[in-house]
Protein backbone atom coordinates (compact mmCIF):
# COMPACT_ATOMS: atom_id res chain seq x y z
CA MET A 1 96.52 135.92 -21.72
CA GLY A 2 98.99 133.07 -21.75
CA VAL A 3 99.06 130.00 -19.64
CA SER A 4 100.73 130.61 -16.29
CA TYR A 5 103.87 128.77 -15.28
CA ILE A 6 102.00 127.00 -12.48
CA SER A 7 99.23 125.86 -14.83
CA SER A 8 101.80 124.57 -17.27
CA ARG A 9 103.64 122.60 -14.55
CA LYS A 10 100.36 121.20 -13.23
CA LYS A 11 99.38 120.00 -16.72
CA LYS A 12 102.77 118.31 -17.22
CA PHE A 13 102.42 116.57 -13.86
CA GLU A 14 98.88 115.40 -14.69
CA ASP A 15 100.05 114.13 -18.09
CA SER A 16 102.94 112.20 -16.55
CA GLU A 17 100.62 110.68 -13.92
CA LYS A 18 98.19 109.64 -16.64
CA LYS A 19 101.00 108.00 -18.62
CA ARG A 20 102.18 106.19 -15.49
CA ARG A 21 98.66 104.81 -14.82
CA ILE A 22 98.27 103.73 -18.45
CA ASN A 23 101.68 102.02 -18.48
CA PHE A 24 100.86 100.23 -15.22
CA GLY A 25 97.53 99.05 -16.63
CA LYS A 26 99.15 97.76 -19.82
CA LYS A 27 101.77 95.90 -17.78
CA VAL A 28 99.09 94.28 -15.59
CA GLN A 29 97.15 93.18 -18.66
CA GLU A 30 100.28 91.84 -20.35
CA MET A 31 101.39 89.89 -17.28
CA ARG A 32 97.87 88.52 -16.68
CA ARG A 33 97.72 87.26 -20.24
CA LYS A 34 101.21 85.73 -20.05
CA ALA A 35 100.13 83.91 -16.89
CA GLY A 36 97.18 82.54 -18.88
CA TYR A 37 94.41 84.08 -16.77
CA SER A 38 91.16 85.42 -18.13
CA ARG A 39 89.92 88.60 -16.49
CA ASN A 40 87.32 86.63 -14.52
CA GLU A 41 89.90 84.15 -13.27
CA PHE A 42 92.31 86.89 -12.25
CA CYS A 43 89.57 88.83 -10.45
CA ASN A 44 88.79 85.73 -8.40
CA ILE A 45 92.46 85.13 -7.61
CA ILE A 46 93.18 88.65 -6.36
CA ASN A 47 89.68 89.21 -4.97
CA ILE A 48 88.64 92.34 -6.84
CA SER A 49 85.62 93.09 -9.01
CA TYR A 50 85.66 92.68 -12.76
CA ASP A 51 84.96 96.41 -13.15
CA ALA A 52 87.95 97.25 -10.95
CA LEU A 53 90.25 95.13 -13.12
CA ILE A 54 88.93 96.83 -16.25
CA ARG A 55 89.67 100.26 -14.71
CA ILE A 56 93.17 99.12 -13.73
CA GLU A 57 93.96 97.78 -17.20
CA LEU A 58 92.62 100.95 -18.85
CA GLY A 59 94.88 103.12 -16.67
CA GLN A 60 92.09 104.72 -14.69
CA VAL A 61 93.40 103.59 -11.28
CA ASP A 62 96.42 105.00 -9.48
CA PRO A 63 98.97 102.20 -9.01
CA ASN A 64 99.80 103.74 -5.63
CA THR A 65 96.42 102.66 -4.31
CA PRO A 66 97.28 100.90 -1.04
CA HIS A 67 98.32 97.28 -1.57
CA LEU A 68 97.18 97.20 -5.22
CA GLU A 69 100.56 96.44 -6.75
CA GLU A 70 101.34 93.91 -4.01
CA LYS A 71 98.00 92.16 -4.52
CA ILE A 72 98.54 91.93 -8.28
CA LYS A 73 102.09 90.60 -7.87
CA LYS A 74 100.90 87.92 -5.47
CA GLY A 75 98.10 86.94 -7.84
CA LEU A 76 100.54 86.55 -10.71
CA THR A 77 103.00 84.46 -8.73
CA LYS A 78 100.55 82.09 -7.05
CA SER A 79 100.50 78.55 -8.23
CA TYR A 80 97.40 76.50 -7.81
CA MET A 81 97.24 72.77 -7.54
CA VAL A 82 94.30 70.92 -8.97
CA ILE A 83 93.49 67.89 -6.89
CA THR A 84 91.31 65.25 -8.46
CA ILE A 85 89.78 62.43 -6.52
């Protein structure tokens, strides 16, 4: 028996979703590095766990997770002032 049309379409959709998650994760990692943040620093800035950031960068998290992309963008555009006394 061959693969049904529906199974074939479902597999293509799953593959494209996987690619989208992986591309998003790579982009997050690239932008974090360009901003000069370690993973620990970035986790503190955007208030997520280290494990969550690892899953994002490995493409295991759906970028459509509510507020995820917005939170990451804000974290990458924040500027912090260091005040010394």
